[in-house]
Amino acid sequence: MWSHFKEALSKWTGLSHDALHMHVGLGLFLLLACLLRRHRWGVPAALGIVLALEIGNEVSDAVDWVRWTGAPNFIETGRDIASTMVWPVVLALGLVVWRWKKARVDRPSRAVTHNGPPPI
């Protein structure tokens, strides 16, 4: 049933399965990252949720694939996971670096300035 929905979505949008993986993964990540933005762990949680959903999707695909052919297709599974996770991972790393740099700029300097004798 899930595979029929995905096939219909692919036909309706005109996107390939790989493109659907990229768009859905990116869209879900952005939605979850926005919803969880106030929490320190929001970006890693969004990334983890997208990965968990993708693994669930791939388990469903593997079950269908085994029913059709008798064996799982690990190459297709790996490609689907990579297609889904590439942009969320890139954005998550970018956000981590941006936050790290922002925190360094916002932090007061520890440099000691000495402009003469201490006030009396």
C-alpha atoms as a PDB file:
ATOM      1  CA  MET A   1       0.000   0.000   0.000  1.00  0.00           C
ATOM      2  CA  TRP A   2       2.804   2.425   0.887  1.00  0.00           C
ATOM      3  CA  SER A   3       4.593   1.609  -2.364  1.00  0.00           C
ATOM      4  CA  HIS A   4       1.408   2.391  -4.325  1.00  0.00           C
ATOM      5  CA  PHE A   5       1.170   5.798  -2.633  1.00  0.00           C
ATOM      6  CA  LYS A   6       4.812   6.572  -3.443  1.00  0.00           C
ATOM      7  CA  GLU A   7       4.345   5.496  -7.056  1.00  0.00           C
ATOM      8  CA  ALA A   8       1.257   7.709  -7.390  1.00  0.00           C
ATOM      9  CA  LEU A   9       3.139  10.627  -5.815  1.00  0.00           C
ATOM     10  CA  SER A  10       5.997  10.144  -8.262  1.00  0.00           C
ATOM     11  CA  LYS A  11       3.606  10.154 -11.216  1.00  0.00           C
ATOM     12  CA  TRP A  12       1.635  13.143  -9.865  1.00  0.00           C
ATOM     13  CA  THR A  13       4.742  15.277  -9.277  1.00  0.00           C
ATOM     14  CA  GLY A  14       6.689  14.029 -12.273  1.00  0.00           C
ATOM     15  CA  LEU A  15       9.726  13.472 -10.055  1.00  0.00           C
ATOM     16  CA  SER A  16      11.905  10.391 -10.031  1.00  0.00           C
ATOM     17  CA  HIS A  17      12.117   8.279  -6.890  1.00  0.00           C
ATOM     18  CA  ASP A  18      15.587   9.692  -6.118  1.00  0.00           C
ATOM     19  CA  ALA A  19      14.335  13.268  -6.499  1.00  0.00           C
ATOM     20  CA  LEU A  20      11.372  12.503  -4.248  1.00  0.00           C
ATOM     21  CA  HIS A  21      13.758  11.170  -1.602  1.00  0.00           C
ATOM     22  CA  MET A  22      15.796  14.387  -1.773  1.00  0.00           C
ATOM     23  CA  HIS A  23      12.798  16.711  -1.650  1.00  0.00           C
ATOM     24  CA  VAL A  24      10.930  14.850   1.085  1.00  0.00           C
ATOM     25  CA  GLY A  25      14.073  14.471   3.213  1.00  0.00           C
ATOM     26  CA  LEU A  26      14.912  18.163   2.888  1.00  0.00           C
ATOM     27  CA  GLY A  27      11.316  19.263   3.484  1.00  0.00           C
ATOM     28  CA  LEU A  28      10.906  17.107   6.576  1.00  0.00           C
ATOM     29  CA  PHE A  29      14.234  18.247   7.975  1.00  0.00           C
ATOM     30  CA  LEU A  30      13.403  21.934   7.486  1.00  0.00           C
ATOM     31  CA  LEU A  31       9.952  21.506   9.016  1.00  0.00           C
ATOM     32  CA  LEU A  32      11.282  19.632  12.045  1.00  0.00           C
ATOM     33  CA  ALA A  33      14.257  21.965  12.500  1.00  0.00           C
ATOM     34  CA  CYS A  34      11.875  24.949  12.521  1.00  0.00           C
ATOM     35  CA  LEU A  35       9.526  23.278  14.978  1.00  0.00           C
ATOM     36  CA  LEU A  36      12.398  22.324  17.291  1.00  0.00           C
ATOM     37  CA  ARG A  37      14.525  25.472  16.795  1.00  0.00           C
ATOM     38  CA  ARG A  38      14.209  26.707  20.372  1.00  0.00           C
ATOM     39  CA  HIS A  39      15.829  23.574  21.775  1.00  0.00           C
ATOM     40  CA  ARG A  40      19.560  23.110  21.828  1.00  0.00           C
ATOM     41  CA  TRP A  41      19.145  19.599  20.463  1.00  0.00           C
ATOM     42  CA  GLY A  42      16.592  20.644  17.797  1.00  0.00           C
ATOM     43  CA  VAL A  43      18.817  20.199  14.739  1.00  0.00           C
ATOM     44  CA  PRO A  44      20.258  16.806  15.772  1.00  0.00           C
ATOM     45  CA  ALA A  45      16.757  15.645  16.740  1.00  0.00           C
ATOM     46  CA  ALA A  46      15.372  16.744  13.366  1.00  0.00           C
ATOM     47  CA  LEU A  47      18.195  14.882  11.628  1.00  0.00           C
ATOM     48  CA  GLY A  48      17.570  11.766  13.721  1.00  0.00           C
ATOM     49  CA  ILE A  49      13.826  11.820  13.066  1.00  0.00           C
ATOM     50  CA  VAL A  50      14.358  12.123   9.314  1.00  0.00           C
ATOM     51  CA  LEU A  51      16.826   9.220   9.445  1.00  0.00           C
ATOM     52  CA  ALA A  52      14.438   7.084  11.513  1.00  0.00           C
ATOM     53  CA  LEU A  53      11.567   7.762   9.095  1.00  0.00           C
ATOM     54  CA  GLU A  54      13.795   6.945   6.135  1.00  0.00           C
ATOM     55  CA  ILE A  55      14.915   3.677   7.726  1.00  0.00           C
ATOM     56  CA  GLY A  56      11.256   2.793   8.313  1.00  0.00           C
ATOM     57  CA  ASN A  57      10.536   3.588   4.670  1.00  0.00           C
ATOM     58  CA  GLU A  58      13.429   1.423   3.535  1.00  0.00           C
ATOM     59  CA  VAL A  59      12.327  -1.493   5.726  1.00  0.00           C
ATOM     60  CA  SER A  60       8.911  -1.245   4.069  1.00  0.00           C
ATOM     61  CA  ASP A  61      10.567  -1.148   0.638  1.00  0.00           C
ATOM     62  CA  ALA A  62      12.777  -4.135   1.520  1.00  0.00           C
ATOM     63  CA  VAL A  63       9.751  -6.181   2.574  1.00  0.00           C
ATOM     64  CA  ASP A  64       8.041  -5.367  -0.723  1.00  0.00           C
ATOM     65  CA  TRP A  65      11.238  -6.074  -2.672  1.00  0.00           C
ATOM     66  CA  VAL A  66      11.645  -9.470  -0.998  1.00  0.00           C
ATOM     67  CA  ARG A  67       8.027 -10.319  -1.853  1.00  0.00           C
ATOM     68  CA  TRP A  68       8.613  -9.411  -5.504  1.00  0.00           C
ATOM     69  CA  THR A  69      12.095 -10.848  -6.075  1.00  0.00           C
ATOM     70  CA  GLY A  70      12.931 -13.057  -3.105  1.00  0.00           C
ATOM     71  CA  ALA A  71      15.926 -10.983  -1.968  1.00  0.00           C
ATOM     72  CA  PRO A  72      16.499  -7.455  -0.658  1.00  0.00           C
ATOM     73  CA  ASN A  73      18.136  -4.835  -2.870  1.00  0.00           C
ATOM     74  CA  PHE A  74      20.845  -3.328  -0.661  1.00  0.00           C
ATOM     75  CA  ILE A  75      22.263  -1.082  -3.386  1.00  0.00           C
ATOM     76  CA  GLU A  76      18.887   0.598  -3.921  1.00  0.00           C
ATOM     77  CA  THR A  77      18.412   0.906  -0.162  1.00  0.00           C
ATOM     78  CA  GLY A  78      21.785   2.605   0.273  1.00  0.00           C
ATOM     79  CA  ARG A  79      21.125   4.981  -2.596  1.00  0.00           C
ATOM     80  CA  ASP A  80      17.706   5.903  -1.174  1.00  0.00           C
ATOM     81  CA  ILE A  81      19.131   6.597   2.288  1.00  0.00           C
ATOM     82  CA  ALA A  82      21.938   8.693   0.801  1.00  0.00           C
ATOM     83  CA  SER A  83      19.490  10.622  -1.406  1.00  0.00           C
ATOM     84  CA  THR A  84      17.227  11.354   1.536  1.00  0.00           C
ATOM     85  CA  MET A  85      19.943  12.347   3.993  1.00  0.00           C
ATOM     86  CA  VAL A  86      22.416  14.327   1.848  1.00  0.00           C
ATOM     87  CA  TRP A  87      20.846  17.796   2.178  1.00  0.00           C
ATOM     88  CA  PRO A  88      19.676  17.424   5.772  1.00  0.00           C
ATOM     89  CA  VAL A  89      23.225  16.438   6.786  1.00  0.00           C
ATOM     90  CA  VAL A  90      24.772  19.320   4.815  1.00  0.00           C
ATOM     91  CA  LEU A  91      22.348  21.807   6.379  1.00  0.00           C
ATOM     92  CA  ALA A  92      22.790  20.374   9.869  1.00  0.00           C
ATOM     93  CA  LEU A  93      26.574  20.666   9.613  1.00  0.00           C
ATOM     94  CA  GLY A  94      26.214  24.188   8.246  1.00  0.00           C
ATOM     95  CA  LEU A  95      23.967  25.169  11.140  1.00  0.00           C
ATOM     96  CA  VAL A  96      26.370  23.690  13.682  1.00  0.00           C
ATOM     97  CA  VAL A  97      29.314  25.599  12.183  1.00  0.00           C
ATOM     98  CA  TRP A  98      27.263  28.807  11.972  1.00  0.00           C
ATOM     99  CA  ARG A  99      26.161  28.522  15.614  1.00  0.00           C
ATOM    100  CA  TRP A 100      29.713  27.755  16.695  1.00  0.00           C
ATOM    101  CA  LYS A 101      31.070  30.810  14.866  1.00  0.00           C
ATOM    102  CA  LYS A 102      28.247  33.003  16.161  1.00  0.00           C
ATOM    103  CA  ALA A 103      28.925  31.875  19.738  1.00  0.00           C
ATOM    104  CA  ARG A 104      32.612  32.742  19.362  1.00  0.00           C
ATOM    105  CA  VAL A 105      31.804  36.228  18.060  1.00  0.00           C
ATOM    106  CA  ASP A 106      29.155  36.905  20.716  1.00  0.00           C
ATOM    107  CA  ARG A 107      31.401  35.774  23.575  1.00  0.00           C
ATOM    108  CA  PRO A 108      33.170  38.614  25.379  1.00  0.00           C
ATOM    109  CA  SER A 109      36.880  38.764  24.891  1.00  0.00           C
ATOM    110  CA  ARG A 110      39.078  37.359  27.651  1.00  0.00           C
ATOM    111  CA  ALA A 111      41.937  39.631  26.775  1.00  0.00           C
ATOM    112  CA  VAL A 112      43.129  41.730  29.689  1.00  0.00           C
ATOM    113  CA  THR A 113      43.573  45.365  28.870  1.00  0.00           C
ATOM    114  CA  HIS A 114      45.690  47.516  31.085  1.00  0.00           C
ATOM    115  CA  ASN A 115      45.540  51.235  30.490  1.00  0.00           C
ATOM    116  CA  GLY A 116      47.420  52.415  33.511  1.00  0.00           C
ATOM    117  CA  PRO A 117      47.289  52.036  37.254  1.00  0.00           C
ATOM    118  CA  PRO A 118      44.175  50.637  38.856  1.00  0.00           C
ATOM    119  CA  PRO A 119      41.634  53.156  40.109  1.00  0.00           C
ATOM    120  CA  ILE A 120      41.878  54.125  43.781  1.00  0.00           C
END
